């Protein structure tokens, strides 16, 4: 039999109520959530009861997903399922490293909190959108982006799926040109929107 690999989710996988069933049914997951609560008071309520809008704000999303990622892994540990290797999508790389023992859970959570704060601060000074472009070759998307001053390829997800960062003023025109070229855009999020659910203390949401 082959080995077991865990791939940890990144930003974009969040949803209202995430982790609640883990907390209710797993002692290991519950202990992990309670450890997170000691560092970030309110994180459990945010995961379990936060709205989609609140959970989509970077400074809320990233710490919450880090905790839920590792809560899922904790449940597997309870079932004697241990991964031989790990990987992660963007933010999920930090959860993967925590799982692998590169750093402790609490150290990773504080790191994720800082990462989210810095990303949110950067975004607040550079308002715009992130959009996945589908149904076009990546080279075509790059060529269209090059016609704008503030449109940049950001994530090469796969052939025919390229995520771009786009300034607010140029977004509508970029989307129009993608459509005229036979492509489709899916807005991933808006940069520069800061609506933390919780306040107070170092690393608070």
N, C-alpha and C. Protein backbone atom coordinates (compact mmCIF):
# COMPACT_ATOMS: atom_id res chain seq x y z
N UNK A 1 0.85 -1.19 0.00
CA UNK A 1 0.00 0.00 0.00
C UNK A 1 0.88 1.24 0.00
N UNK A 2 0.45 2.26 -0.74
CA UNK A 2 1.20 3.51 -0.79
C UNK A 2 1.06 4.31 0.49
N UNK A 3 1.83 5.37 0.58
CA UNK A 3 1.79 6.22 1.75
C UNK A 3 0.58 7.14 1.75
N UNK A 4 0.40 7.85 2.84
CA UNK A 4 -0.71 8.80 3.00
C UNK A 4 -0.17 10.22 2.92
N UNK A 5 -0.79 11.04 2.11
CA UNK A 5 -0.42 12.45 1.99
C UNK A 5 -1.60 13.32 2.39
N UNK A 6 -1.34 14.39 3.11
CA UNK A 6 -2.37 15.38 3.43
C UNK A 6 -2.04 16.67 2.71
N UNK A 7 -3.03 17.23 2.04
CA UNK A 7 -2.89 18.52 1.37
C UNK A 7 -3.82 19.50 2.09
N UNK A 8 -3.24 20.53 2.69
CA UNK A 8 -4.01 21.46 3.51
C UNK A 8 -4.55 22.61 2.66
N UNK A 9 -5.80 22.97 2.93
CA UNK A 9 -6.49 23.99 2.15
C UNK A 9 -5.94 25.39 2.43
N UNK A 10 -6.07 26.26 1.45
CA UNK A 10 -5.67 27.65 1.59
C UNK A 10 -6.85 28.59 1.55
N UNK A 11 -6.56 29.87 1.52
CA UNK A 11 -7.60 30.91 1.53
C UNK A 11 -8.52 30.71 0.33
N UNK A 12 -9.81 30.78 0.61
CA UNK A 12 -10.82 30.52 -0.41
C UNK A 12 -11.67 29.31 -0.04
N UNK A 13 -11.16 28.48 0.87
CA UNK A 13 -11.90 27.28 1.29
C UNK A 13 -12.81 27.55 2.48
N UNK A 14 -12.77 28.76 3.01
CA UNK A 14 -13.54 29.08 4.22
C UNK A 14 -15.05 29.08 3.97
N UNK A 15 -15.81 28.76 5.01
CA UNK A 15 -17.27 28.83 4.94
C UNK A 15 -17.81 28.97 6.36
N UNK A 16 -18.97 29.55 6.47
CA UNK A 16 -19.59 29.76 7.78
C UNK A 16 -19.92 28.42 8.42
N UNK A 17 -19.53 28.26 9.67
CA UNK A 17 -19.79 27.02 10.39
C UNK A 17 -18.66 26.02 10.33
N UNK A 18 -17.55 26.38 9.67
CA UNK A 18 -16.47 25.41 9.50
C UNK A 18 -15.87 25.02 10.85
N UNK A 19 -15.63 23.74 10.99
CA UNK A 19 -15.02 23.21 12.20
C UNK A 19 -15.96 22.87 13.33
N UNK A 20 -17.22 23.29 13.22
CA UNK A 20 -18.15 23.08 14.34
C UNK A 20 -18.37 21.60 14.62
N UNK A 21 -18.57 20.81 13.57
CA UNK A 21 -18.81 19.37 13.79
C UNK A 21 -17.57 18.69 14.35
N UNK A 22 -16.39 19.20 13.97
CA UNK A 22 -15.15 18.64 14.52
C UNK A 22 -15.07 18.93 16.01
N UNK A 23 -15.38 20.17 16.38
CA UNK A 23 -15.34 20.59 17.77
C UNK A 23 -16.33 19.76 18.60
N UNK A 24 -17.50 19.51 18.05
CA UNK A 24 -18.55 18.81 18.79
C UNK A 24 -18.29 17.32 18.94
N UNK A 25 -17.52 16.73 18.02
CA UNK A 25 -17.41 15.28 17.97
C UNK A 25 -16.01 14.72 18.20
N UNK A 26 -15.02 15.59 18.33
CA UNK A 26 -13.66 15.10 18.48
C UNK A 26 -12.97 15.79 19.65
N UNK A 27 -12.50 15.00 20.59
CA UNK A 27 -11.78 15.58 21.74
C UNK A 27 -10.48 16.24 21.29
N UNK A 28 -9.81 15.64 20.32
CA UNK A 28 -8.54 16.20 19.83
C UNK A 28 -8.77 17.54 19.13
N UNK A 29 -9.80 17.61 18.30
CA UNK A 29 -10.10 18.86 17.61
C UNK A 29 -10.53 19.93 18.62
N UNK A 30 -11.33 19.52 19.60
CA UNK A 30 -11.79 20.47 20.61
C UNK A 30 -10.61 21.06 21.39
N UNK A 31 -9.65 20.22 21.74
CA UNK A 31 -8.47 20.68 22.47
C UNK A 31 -7.67 21.67 21.63
N UNK A 32 -7.59 21.41 20.33
CA UNK A 32 -6.86 22.31 19.45
C UNK A 32 -7.57 23.66 19.34
N UNK A 33 -8.89 23.63 19.19
CA UNK A 33 -9.65 24.88 19.13
C UNK A 33 -9.50 25.67 20.43
N UNK A 34 -9.50 24.97 21.54
CA UNK A 34 -9.37 25.66 22.83
C UNK A 34 -7.98 26.28 22.98
N UNK A 35 -6.96 25.62 22.44
CA UNK A 35 -5.62 26.21 22.44
C UNK A 35 -5.59 27.47 21.59
N UNK A 36 -6.27 27.41 20.45
CA UNK A 36 -6.34 28.58 19.58
C UNK A 36 -7.10 29.72 20.25
N UNK A 37 -8.14 29.38 20.97
CA UNK A 37 -8.96 30.39 21.66
C UNK A 37 -8.14 31.14 22.70
N UNK A 38 -7.18 30.46 23.32
CA UNK A 38 -6.33 31.11 24.32
C UNK A 38 -5.42 32.16 23.68
N UNK A 39 -5.09 31.95 22.42
CA UNK A 39 -4.23 32.90 21.70
C UNK A 39 -5.07 33.99 21.04
N UNK A 40 -6.18 33.59 20.43
CA UNK A 40 -7.08 34.51 19.73
C UNK A 40 -8.49 34.36 20.29
N UNK A 41 -8.81 35.03 21.37
CA UNK A 41 -10.17 34.92 21.90
C UNK A 41 -11.21 35.29 20.84
N UNK A 42 -12.19 34.42 20.66
CA UNK A 42 -13.24 34.66 19.68
C UNK A 42 -13.08 33.88 18.40
N UNK A 43 -11.95 33.18 18.24
CA UNK A 43 -11.73 32.49 16.97
C UNK A 43 -12.72 31.34 16.77
N UNK A 44 -13.11 30.68 17.84
CA UNK A 44 -14.09 29.60 17.71
C UNK A 44 -15.43 30.14 17.24
N UNK A 45 -15.88 31.22 17.85
CA UNK A 45 -17.16 31.81 17.46
C UNK A 45 -17.11 32.28 16.01
N UNK A 46 -15.96 32.81 15.59
CA UNK A 46 -15.84 33.26 14.22
C UNK A 46 -15.96 32.10 13.25
N UNK A 47 -15.27 31.00 13.53
CA UNK A 47 -15.34 29.83 12.66
C UNK A 47 -16.76 29.27 12.61
N UNK A 48 -17.38 29.15 13.78
CA UNK A 48 -18.66 28.47 13.87
C UNK A 48 -19.84 29.35 13.47
N UNK A 49 -19.74 30.66 13.75
CA UNK A 49 -20.90 31.54 13.57
C UNK A 49 -20.64 32.77 12.69
N UNK A 50 -19.40 32.99 12.29
CA UNK A 50 -19.10 34.15 11.48
C UNK A 50 -19.78 34.07 10.12
N UNK A 51 -20.13 35.22 9.59
CA UNK A 51 -20.78 35.26 8.28
C UNK A 51 -19.74 35.01 7.19
N UNK A 52 -20.24 34.71 6.01
CA UNK A 52 -19.35 34.52 4.86
C UNK A 52 -18.53 35.77 4.62
N UNK A 53 -19.15 36.93 4.76
CA UNK A 53 -18.45 38.19 4.55
C UNK A 53 -17.32 38.37 5.56
N UNK A 54 -17.61 38.10 6.83
CA UNK A 54 -16.59 38.24 7.86
C UNK A 54 -15.44 37.25 7.65
N UNK A 55 -15.79 36.03 7.28
CA UNK A 55 -14.77 35.01 7.10
C UNK A 55 -13.95 35.22 5.83
N UNK A 56 -14.41 36.10 4.96
CA UNK A 56 -13.68 36.37 3.72
C UNK A 56 -12.67 37.51 3.88
N UNK A 57 -12.65 38.16 5.02
CA UNK A 57 -11.67 39.21 5.28
C UNK A 57 -10.36 38.54 5.70
N UNK A 58 -9.29 38.88 5.02
CA UNK A 58 -8.01 38.17 5.17
C UNK A 58 -7.57 38.00 6.62
N UNK A 59 -7.68 39.06 7.42
CA UNK A 59 -7.20 38.96 8.79
C UNK A 59 -8.06 38.04 9.65
N UNK A 60 -9.24 37.71 9.16
CA UNK A 60 -10.05 36.69 9.82
C UNK A 60 -9.83 35.32 9.18
N UNK A 61 -9.78 35.31 7.86
CA UNK A 61 -9.74 34.06 7.11
C UNK A 61 -8.54 33.20 7.46
N UNK A 62 -7.36 33.80 7.44
CA UNK A 62 -6.15 33.00 7.51
C UNK A 62 -5.96 32.28 8.85
N UNK A 63 -6.08 32.97 9.99
CA UNK A 63 -5.97 32.23 11.25
C UNK A 63 -7.05 31.16 11.41
N UNK A 64 -8.27 31.50 10.97
CA UNK A 64 -9.37 30.54 11.11
C UNK A 64 -9.12 29.28 10.28
N UNK A 65 -8.68 29.44 9.05
CA UNK A 65 -8.41 28.28 8.20
C UNK A 65 -7.24 27.45 8.72
N UNK A 66 -6.23 28.12 9.22
CA UNK A 66 -5.08 27.40 9.80
C UNK A 66 -5.56 26.47 10.90
N UNK A 67 -6.42 26.98 11.77
CA UNK A 67 -6.92 26.17 12.89
C UNK A 67 -7.78 25.02 12.39
N UNK A 68 -8.68 25.30 11.46
CA UNK A 68 -9.56 24.25 10.95
C UNK A 68 -8.78 23.19 10.19
N UNK A 69 -7.80 23.62 9.40
CA UNK A 69 -6.93 22.66 8.70
C UNK A 69 -6.34 21.65 9.68
N UNK A 70 -5.78 22.18 10.76
CA UNK A 70 -5.11 21.30 11.72
C UNK A 70 -6.09 20.54 12.61
N UNK A 71 -7.28 21.08 12.78
CA UNK A 71 -8.32 20.34 13.51
C UNK A 71 -8.72 19.09 12.71
N UNK A 72 -8.80 19.23 11.39
CA UNK A 72 -9.10 18.07 10.55
C UNK A 72 -8.02 17.00 10.71
N UNK A 73 -6.77 17.45 10.72
CA UNK A 73 -5.66 16.52 10.88
C UNK A 73 -5.69 15.86 12.26
N UNK A 74 -6.10 16.62 13.27
CA UNK A 74 -6.19 16.07 14.63
C UNK A 74 -7.21 14.94 14.70
N UNK A 75 -8.31 15.09 13.97
CA UNK A 75 -9.32 14.04 13.93
C UNK A 75 -8.75 12.77 13.29
N UNK A 76 -8.00 12.94 12.23
CA UNK A 76 -7.37 11.79 11.60
C UNK A 76 -6.39 11.10 12.55
N UNK A 77 -5.65 11.91 13.31
CA UNK A 77 -4.74 11.34 14.30
C UNK A 77 -5.49 10.46 15.30
N UNK A 78 -6.66 10.94 15.71
CA UNK A 78 -7.48 10.14 16.64
C UNK A 78 -7.85 8.79 16.05
N UNK A 79 -7.95 8.76 14.73
CA UNK A 79 -8.32 7.53 14.02
C UNK A 79 -7.09 6.73 13.60
N UNK A 80 -5.92 7.13 14.14
CA UNK A 80 -4.65 6.46 13.83
C UNK A 80 -4.27 6.56 12.36
N UNK A 81 -4.67 7.66 11.76
CA UNK A 81 -4.26 7.95 10.38
C UNK A 81 -3.23 9.07 10.45
N UNK A 82 -2.00 8.74 10.08
CA UNK A 82 -0.92 9.72 10.13
C UNK A 82 -0.28 9.84 8.75
N UNK A 83 -0.11 11.06 8.29
CA UNK A 83 0.41 11.28 6.95
C UNK A 83 1.90 11.00 6.88
N UNK A 84 2.33 10.48 5.74
CA UNK A 84 3.74 10.27 5.46
C UNK A 84 4.37 11.51 4.84
N UNK A 85 3.52 12.35 4.25
CA UNK A 85 3.99 13.58 3.64
C UNK A 85 2.86 14.60 3.65
N UNK A 86 3.24 15.87 3.57
CA UNK A 86 2.24 16.94 3.60
C UNK A 86 2.56 17.98 2.55
N UNK A 87 1.51 18.71 2.17
CA UNK A 87 1.64 19.84 1.27
C UNK A 87 0.48 20.77 1.57
N UNK A 88 0.51 21.96 0.98
CA UNK A 88 -0.58 22.90 1.22
C UNK A 88 -0.67 23.92 0.11
N UNK A 89 -1.86 24.47 -0.04
CA UNK A 89 -2.09 25.54 -0.99
C UNK A 89 -1.87 26.88 -0.29
N UNK A 90 -0.81 27.57 -0.63
CA UNK A 90 -0.54 28.91 -0.10
C UNK A 90 -0.58 28.90 1.43
N UNK A 91 -1.60 29.49 2.03
CA UNK A 91 -1.73 29.48 3.49
C UNK A 91 -1.61 28.06 4.04
N UNK A 92 -2.13 27.09 3.31
CA UNK A 92 -2.09 25.71 3.75
C UNK A 92 -0.68 25.17 3.93
N UNK A 93 0.31 25.82 3.30
CA UNK A 93 1.69 25.40 3.50
C UNK A 93 2.12 25.57 4.95
N UNK A 94 1.59 26.60 5.62
CA UNK A 94 1.92 26.81 7.02
C UNK A 94 1.29 25.74 7.90
N UNK A 95 0.06 25.37 7.60
CA UNK A 95 -0.57 24.27 8.34
C UNK A 95 0.19 22.97 8.11
N UNK A 96 0.63 22.76 6.88
CA UNK A 96 1.39 21.55 6.56
C UNK A 96 2.69 21.49 7.35
N UNK A 97 3.35 22.64 7.48
CA UNK A 97 4.60 22.69 8.24
C UNK A 97 4.36 22.45 9.72
N UNK A 98 3.27 22.99 10.24
CA UNK A 98 2.95 22.75 11.66
C UNK A 98 2.68 21.27 11.88
N UNK A 99 1.93 20.66 10.98
CA UNK A 99 1.64 19.23 11.09
C UNK A 99 2.92 18.41 11.05
N UNK A 100 3.85 18.83 10.20
CA UNK A 100 5.10 18.09 10.04
C UNK A 100 6.09 18.34 11.17
N UNK A 101 5.78 19.31 12.05
CA UNK A 101 6.64 19.57 13.19
C UNK A 101 7.71 20.61 12.96
N UNK A 102 7.60 21.35 11.86
CA UNK A 102 8.56 22.43 11.60
C UNK A 102 8.51 23.47 12.71
N UNK A 103 7.30 23.75 13.18
CA UNK A 103 7.10 24.63 14.33
C UNK A 103 5.85 24.18 15.05
N UNK A 104 5.69 24.65 16.28
CA UNK A 104 4.54 24.26 17.09
C UNK A 104 3.26 24.93 16.59
N UNK A 105 2.12 24.32 16.92
CA UNK A 105 0.83 24.85 16.51
C UNK A 105 0.65 26.31 16.89
N UNK A 106 0.96 26.64 18.17
CA UNK A 106 0.74 28.01 18.63
C UNK A 106 1.69 29.00 17.96
N UNK A 107 2.93 28.58 17.71
CA UNK A 107 3.86 29.45 17.00
C UNK A 107 3.36 29.72 15.59
N UNK A 108 2.86 28.67 14.94
CA UNK A 108 2.33 28.82 13.60
C UNK A 108 1.12 29.72 13.56
N UNK A 109 0.26 29.62 14.55
CA UNK A 109 -0.94 30.45 14.58
C UNK A 109 -0.57 31.93 14.72
N UNK A 110 0.40 32.23 15.55
CA UNK A 110 0.85 33.62 15.69
C UNK A 110 1.48 34.12 14.39
N UNK A 111 2.24 33.25 13.74
CA UNK A 111 2.85 33.61 12.46
C UNK A 111 1.78 33.89 11.41
N UNK A 112 0.77 33.03 11.35
CA UNK A 112 -0.33 33.23 10.41
C UNK A 112 -1.05 34.53 10.69
N UNK A 113 -1.25 34.84 11.97
CA UNK A 113 -1.91 36.10 12.32
C UNK A 113 -1.14 37.30 11.82
N UNK A 114 0.18 37.27 11.98
CA UNK A 114 1.01 38.38 11.51
C UNK A 114 0.99 38.45 9.98
N UNK A 115 1.08 37.30 9.35
CA UNK A 115 1.03 37.24 7.89
C UNK A 115 -0.25 37.90 7.38
N UNK A 116 -1.36 37.55 8.01
CA UNK A 116 -2.65 38.10 7.59
C UNK A 116 -2.71 39.61 7.81
N UNK A 117 -2.16 40.08 8.92
CA UNK A 117 -2.16 41.52 9.19
C UNK A 117 -1.36 42.28 8.12
N UNK A 118 -0.18 41.75 7.78
CA UNK A 118 0.66 42.43 6.80
C UNK A 118 0.01 42.43 5.42
N UNK A 119 -0.61 41.31 5.07
CA UNK A 119 -1.28 41.24 3.77
C UNK A 119 -2.47 42.20 3.72
N UNK A 120 -3.20 42.28 4.82
CA UNK A 120 -4.35 43.19 4.87
C UNK A 120 -3.89 44.64 4.80
N UNK A 121 -2.80 44.95 5.50
CA UNK A 121 -2.26 46.31 5.48
C UNK A 121 -1.83 46.70 4.08
N UNK A 122 -1.16 45.78 3.39
CA UNK A 122 -0.73 46.04 2.02
C UNK A 122 -1.93 46.27 1.11
N UNK A 123 -2.95 45.42 1.28
CA UNK A 123 -4.13 45.52 0.43
C UNK A 123 -4.88 46.83 0.66
N UNK A 124 -4.87 47.32 1.90
CA UNK A 124 -5.61 48.56 2.19
C UNK A 124 -5.01 49.76 1.46
N UNK A 125 -3.75 49.65 1.09
CA UNK A 125 -3.09 50.74 0.36
C UNK A 125 -3.06 50.50 -1.14
N UNK A 126 -3.58 49.35 -1.56
CA UNK A 126 -3.58 49.00 -2.99
C UNK A 126 -4.90 48.33 -3.32
N UNK A 127 -5.95 49.13 -3.39
CA UNK A 127 -7.29 48.58 -3.55
C UNK A 127 -7.46 47.97 -4.94
N UNK A 128 -8.15 46.84 -4.98
CA UNK A 128 -8.35 46.18 -6.26
C UNK A 128 -9.06 44.86 -6.10
N UNK A 129 -8.95 44.04 -7.13
CA UNK A 129 -9.62 42.76 -7.16
C UNK A 129 -8.64 41.64 -7.48
N UNK A 130 -8.99 40.44 -7.06
CA UNK A 130 -8.33 39.23 -7.52
C UNK A 130 -9.37 38.48 -8.34
N UNK A 131 -8.96 38.01 -9.51
CA UNK A 131 -9.91 37.31 -10.38
C UNK A 131 -9.23 36.14 -11.06
N UNK A 132 -9.91 35.01 -11.08
CA UNK A 132 -9.42 33.85 -11.83
C UNK A 132 -9.94 33.96 -13.25
N UNK A 133 -9.05 33.82 -14.21
CA UNK A 133 -9.42 33.87 -15.62
C UNK A 133 -9.42 32.45 -16.16
N UNK A 134 -10.53 32.05 -16.75
CA UNK A 134 -10.72 30.69 -17.24
C UNK A 134 -10.91 30.69 -18.75
N UNK A 135 -10.69 29.52 -19.35
CA UNK A 135 -10.99 29.25 -20.76
C UNK A 135 -10.09 29.98 -21.75
N UNK A 136 -8.95 30.49 -21.29
CA UNK A 136 -7.98 31.11 -22.18
C UNK A 136 -6.58 30.57 -21.85
N UNK A 137 -5.72 30.46 -22.86
CA UNK A 137 -4.33 30.10 -22.56
C UNK A 137 -3.70 31.15 -21.67
N UNK A 138 -2.83 30.72 -20.77
CA UNK A 138 -2.18 31.67 -19.87
C UNK A 138 -1.46 32.78 -20.61
N UNK A 139 -0.84 32.44 -21.75
CA UNK A 139 -0.12 33.45 -22.53
C UNK A 139 -1.06 34.55 -23.03
N UNK A 140 -2.29 34.17 -23.37
CA UNK A 140 -3.27 35.17 -23.83
C UNK A 140 -3.67 36.09 -22.69
N UNK A 141 -3.84 35.53 -21.50
CA UNK A 141 -4.19 36.36 -20.34
C UNK A 141 -3.05 37.32 -20.02
N UNK A 142 -1.82 36.82 -20.10
CA UNK A 142 -0.65 37.67 -19.87
C UNK A 142 -0.63 38.83 -20.86
N UNK A 143 -0.95 38.55 -22.12
CA UNK A 143 -0.94 39.59 -23.15
C UNK A 143 -2.00 40.65 -22.89
N UNK A 144 -3.18 40.21 -22.46
CA UNK A 144 -4.25 41.17 -22.16
C UNK A 144 -3.86 42.00 -20.93
N UNK A 145 -3.33 41.34 -19.91
CA UNK A 145 -2.92 42.05 -18.69
C UNK A 145 -1.87 43.11 -19.01
N UNK A 146 -0.99 42.82 -19.95
CA UNK A 146 0.09 43.75 -20.30
C UNK A 146 -0.43 45.05 -20.91
N UNK A 147 -1.68 45.05 -21.35
CA UNK A 147 -2.26 46.27 -21.92
C UNK A 147 -2.73 47.24 -20.85
N UNK A 148 -2.67 46.82 -19.60
CA UNK A 148 -3.12 47.66 -18.50
C UNK A 148 -1.94 48.00 -17.59
N UNK A 149 -2.07 49.11 -16.90
CA UNK A 149 -0.99 49.55 -16.02
C UNK A 149 -0.97 48.80 -14.70
N UNK A 150 -2.17 48.41 -14.23
CA UNK A 150 -2.26 47.80 -12.91
C UNK A 150 -3.01 46.46 -12.95
N UNK A 151 -2.67 45.61 -13.88
CA UNK A 151 -3.18 44.25 -13.94
C UNK A 151 -1.99 43.31 -14.05
N UNK A 152 -1.88 42.35 -13.11
CA UNK A 152 -0.70 41.51 -13.05
C UNK A 152 -1.07 40.04 -12.85
N UNK A 153 -0.46 39.13 -13.61
CA UNK A 153 -0.62 37.70 -13.30
C UNK A 153 -0.11 37.44 -11.88
N UNK A 154 -0.87 36.69 -11.10
CA UNK A 154 -0.50 36.47 -9.70
C UNK A 154 -0.29 34.99 -9.38
N UNK A 155 -1.25 34.16 -9.74
CA UNK A 155 -1.16 32.73 -9.43
C UNK A 155 -1.44 31.90 -10.68
N UNK A 156 -0.48 31.08 -11.06
CA UNK A 156 -0.66 30.17 -12.19
C UNK A 156 -1.24 28.86 -11.64
N UNK A 157 -2.56 28.78 -11.62
CA UNK A 157 -3.22 27.62 -11.01
C UNK A 157 -3.09 26.37 -11.87
N UNK A 158 -3.28 26.55 -13.17
CA UNK A 158 -3.21 25.43 -14.12
C UNK A 158 -3.24 26.02 -15.51
N UNK A 159 -2.99 25.18 -16.49
CA UNK A 159 -3.13 25.65 -17.88
C UNK A 159 -4.59 26.03 -18.09
N UNK A 160 -4.82 27.25 -18.51
CA UNK A 160 -6.20 27.70 -18.71
C UNK A 160 -6.86 28.24 -17.47
N UNK A 161 -6.10 28.45 -16.40
CA UNK A 161 -6.65 29.09 -15.20
C UNK A 161 -5.55 29.90 -14.53
N UNK A 162 -5.63 31.20 -14.73
CA UNK A 162 -4.62 32.12 -14.21
C UNK A 162 -5.32 33.19 -13.38
N UNK A 163 -4.87 33.37 -12.15
CA UNK A 163 -5.44 34.40 -11.28
C UNK A 163 -4.64 35.69 -11.42
N UNK A 164 -5.35 36.79 -11.57
CA UNK A 164 -4.69 38.08 -11.74
C UNK A 164 -5.08 39.02 -10.61
N UNK A 165 -4.19 39.96 -10.33
CA UNK A 165 -4.48 41.08 -9.42
C UNK A 165 -4.76 42.29 -10.30
N UNK A 166 -5.78 43.04 -9.95
CA UNK A 166 -6.23 44.12 -10.84
C UNK A 166 -6.66 45.33 -10.04
N UNK A 167 -6.17 46.50 -10.44
CA UNK A 167 -6.59 47.74 -9.81
C UNK A 167 -8.07 48.01 -10.04
N UNK A 168 -8.69 48.70 -9.10
CA UNK A 168 -10.13 48.96 -9.17
C UNK A 168 -10.51 49.66 -10.47
N UNK A 169 -9.74 50.67 -10.86
CA UNK A 169 -10.10 51.50 -12.00
C UNK A 169 -10.08 50.72 -13.31
N UNK A 170 -9.29 49.67 -13.39
CA UNK A 170 -9.13 48.95 -14.65
C UNK A 170 -9.88 47.62 -14.69
N UNK A 171 -10.50 47.26 -13.59
CA UNK A 171 -11.09 45.93 -13.49
C UNK A 171 -12.18 45.69 -14.53
N UNK A 172 -13.13 46.59 -14.66
CA UNK A 172 -14.24 46.38 -15.60
C UNK A 172 -13.76 46.25 -17.03
N UNK A 173 -12.80 47.07 -17.42
CA UNK A 173 -12.27 46.99 -18.78
C UNK A 173 -11.52 45.69 -19.01
N UNK A 174 -10.79 45.24 -17.99
CA UNK A 174 -10.08 43.97 -18.11
C UNK A 174 -11.06 42.82 -18.29
N UNK A 175 -12.09 42.79 -17.46
CA UNK A 175 -13.10 41.74 -17.56
C UNK A 175 -13.76 41.75 -18.94
N UNK A 176 -14.04 42.94 -19.44
CA UNK A 176 -14.65 43.06 -20.77
C UNK A 176 -13.75 42.47 -21.84
N UNK A 177 -12.46 42.80 -21.79
CA UNK A 177 -11.54 42.30 -22.80
C UNK A 177 -11.38 40.78 -22.71
N UNK A 178 -11.40 40.25 -21.50
CA UNK A 178 -11.33 38.79 -21.35
C UNK A 178 -12.55 38.15 -22.00
N UNK A 179 -13.73 38.73 -21.76
CA UNK A 179 -14.95 38.20 -22.36
C UNK A 179 -14.93 38.27 -23.88
N UNK A 180 -14.45 39.38 -24.40
CA UNK A 180 -14.37 39.54 -25.85
C UNK A 180 -13.40 38.56 -26.48
N UNK A 181 -12.46 38.06 -25.70
CA UNK A 181 -11.46 37.11 -26.19
C UNK A 181 -11.91 35.66 -26.00
N UNK A 182 -13.11 35.48 -25.46
CA UNK A 182 -13.64 34.13 -25.28
C UNK A 182 -13.39 33.53 -23.91
N UNK A 183 -12.86 34.33 -22.99
CA UNK A 183 -12.59 33.83 -21.65
C UNK A 183 -13.67 34.18 -20.66
N UNK A 184 -13.46 33.78 -19.43
CA UNK A 184 -14.42 34.07 -18.36
C UNK A 184 -13.65 34.42 -17.11
N UNK A 185 -14.15 35.36 -16.33
CA UNK A 185 -13.50 35.74 -15.08
C UNK A 185 -14.40 35.40 -13.90
N UNK A 186 -13.77 34.97 -12.83
CA UNK A 186 -14.46 34.70 -11.57
C UNK A 186 -13.76 35.52 -10.50
N UNK A 187 -14.47 36.49 -9.94
CA UNK A 187 -13.87 37.35 -8.92
C UNK A 187 -13.62 36.55 -7.65
N UNK A 188 -12.35 36.55 -7.20
CA UNK A 188 -11.97 35.79 -6.01
C UNK A 188 -12.11 36.62 -4.73
N UNK A 189 -11.99 37.92 -4.86
CA UNK A 189 -12.08 38.76 -3.68
C UNK A 189 -11.68 40.19 -3.99
N UNK A 190 -11.98 41.07 -3.07
CA UNK A 190 -11.62 42.47 -3.21
C UNK A 190 -10.54 42.81 -2.21
N UNK A 191 -9.45 43.40 -2.70
CA UNK A 191 -8.37 43.82 -1.82
C UNK A 191 -8.68 45.20 -1.25
N UNK A 192 -8.23 45.39 -0.04
CA UNK A 192 -8.38 46.71 0.56
C UNK A 192 -9.64 46.88 1.36
N UNK A 193 -10.32 45.79 1.68
CA UNK A 193 -11.51 45.84 2.52
C UNK A 193 -11.16 45.24 3.86
N UNK A 194 -11.12 46.04 4.89
CA UNK A 194 -10.72 45.57 6.21
C UNK A 194 -11.89 45.67 7.17
N UNK A 195 -12.46 44.52 7.54
CA UNK A 195 -13.59 44.49 8.45
C UNK A 195 -13.36 43.41 9.50
N UNK A 196 -12.38 43.61 10.39
CA UNK A 196 -12.10 42.57 11.37
C UNK A 196 -13.29 42.30 12.28
N UNK A 197 -13.46 41.04 12.60
CA UNK A 197 -14.57 40.66 13.46
C UNK A 197 -14.25 40.92 14.92
N UNK A 198 -12.96 40.83 15.27
CA UNK A 198 -12.56 41.01 16.65
C UNK A 198 -11.44 42.03 16.76
N UNK A 199 -11.35 42.70 17.87
CA UNK A 199 -10.31 43.68 18.09
C UNK A 199 -9.67 43.44 19.46
N UNK A 200 -8.44 43.95 19.60
CA UNK A 200 -7.82 43.93 20.92
C UNK A 200 -6.64 42.99 21.03
N UNK A 201 -5.54 43.52 21.52
CA UNK A 201 -4.40 42.66 21.80
C UNK A 201 -3.53 42.40 20.59
N UNK A 202 -2.34 41.93 20.84
CA UNK A 202 -1.39 41.63 19.78
C UNK A 202 -1.93 40.47 18.96
N UNK A 203 -1.98 40.67 17.65
CA UNK A 203 -2.39 39.61 16.75
C UNK A 203 -3.89 39.36 16.75
N UNK A 204 -4.67 40.25 17.34
CA UNK A 204 -6.12 40.02 17.35
C UNK A 204 -6.68 40.27 15.97
N UNK A 205 -7.87 39.73 15.73
CA UNK A 205 -8.49 39.87 14.43
C UNK A 205 -8.96 41.31 14.23
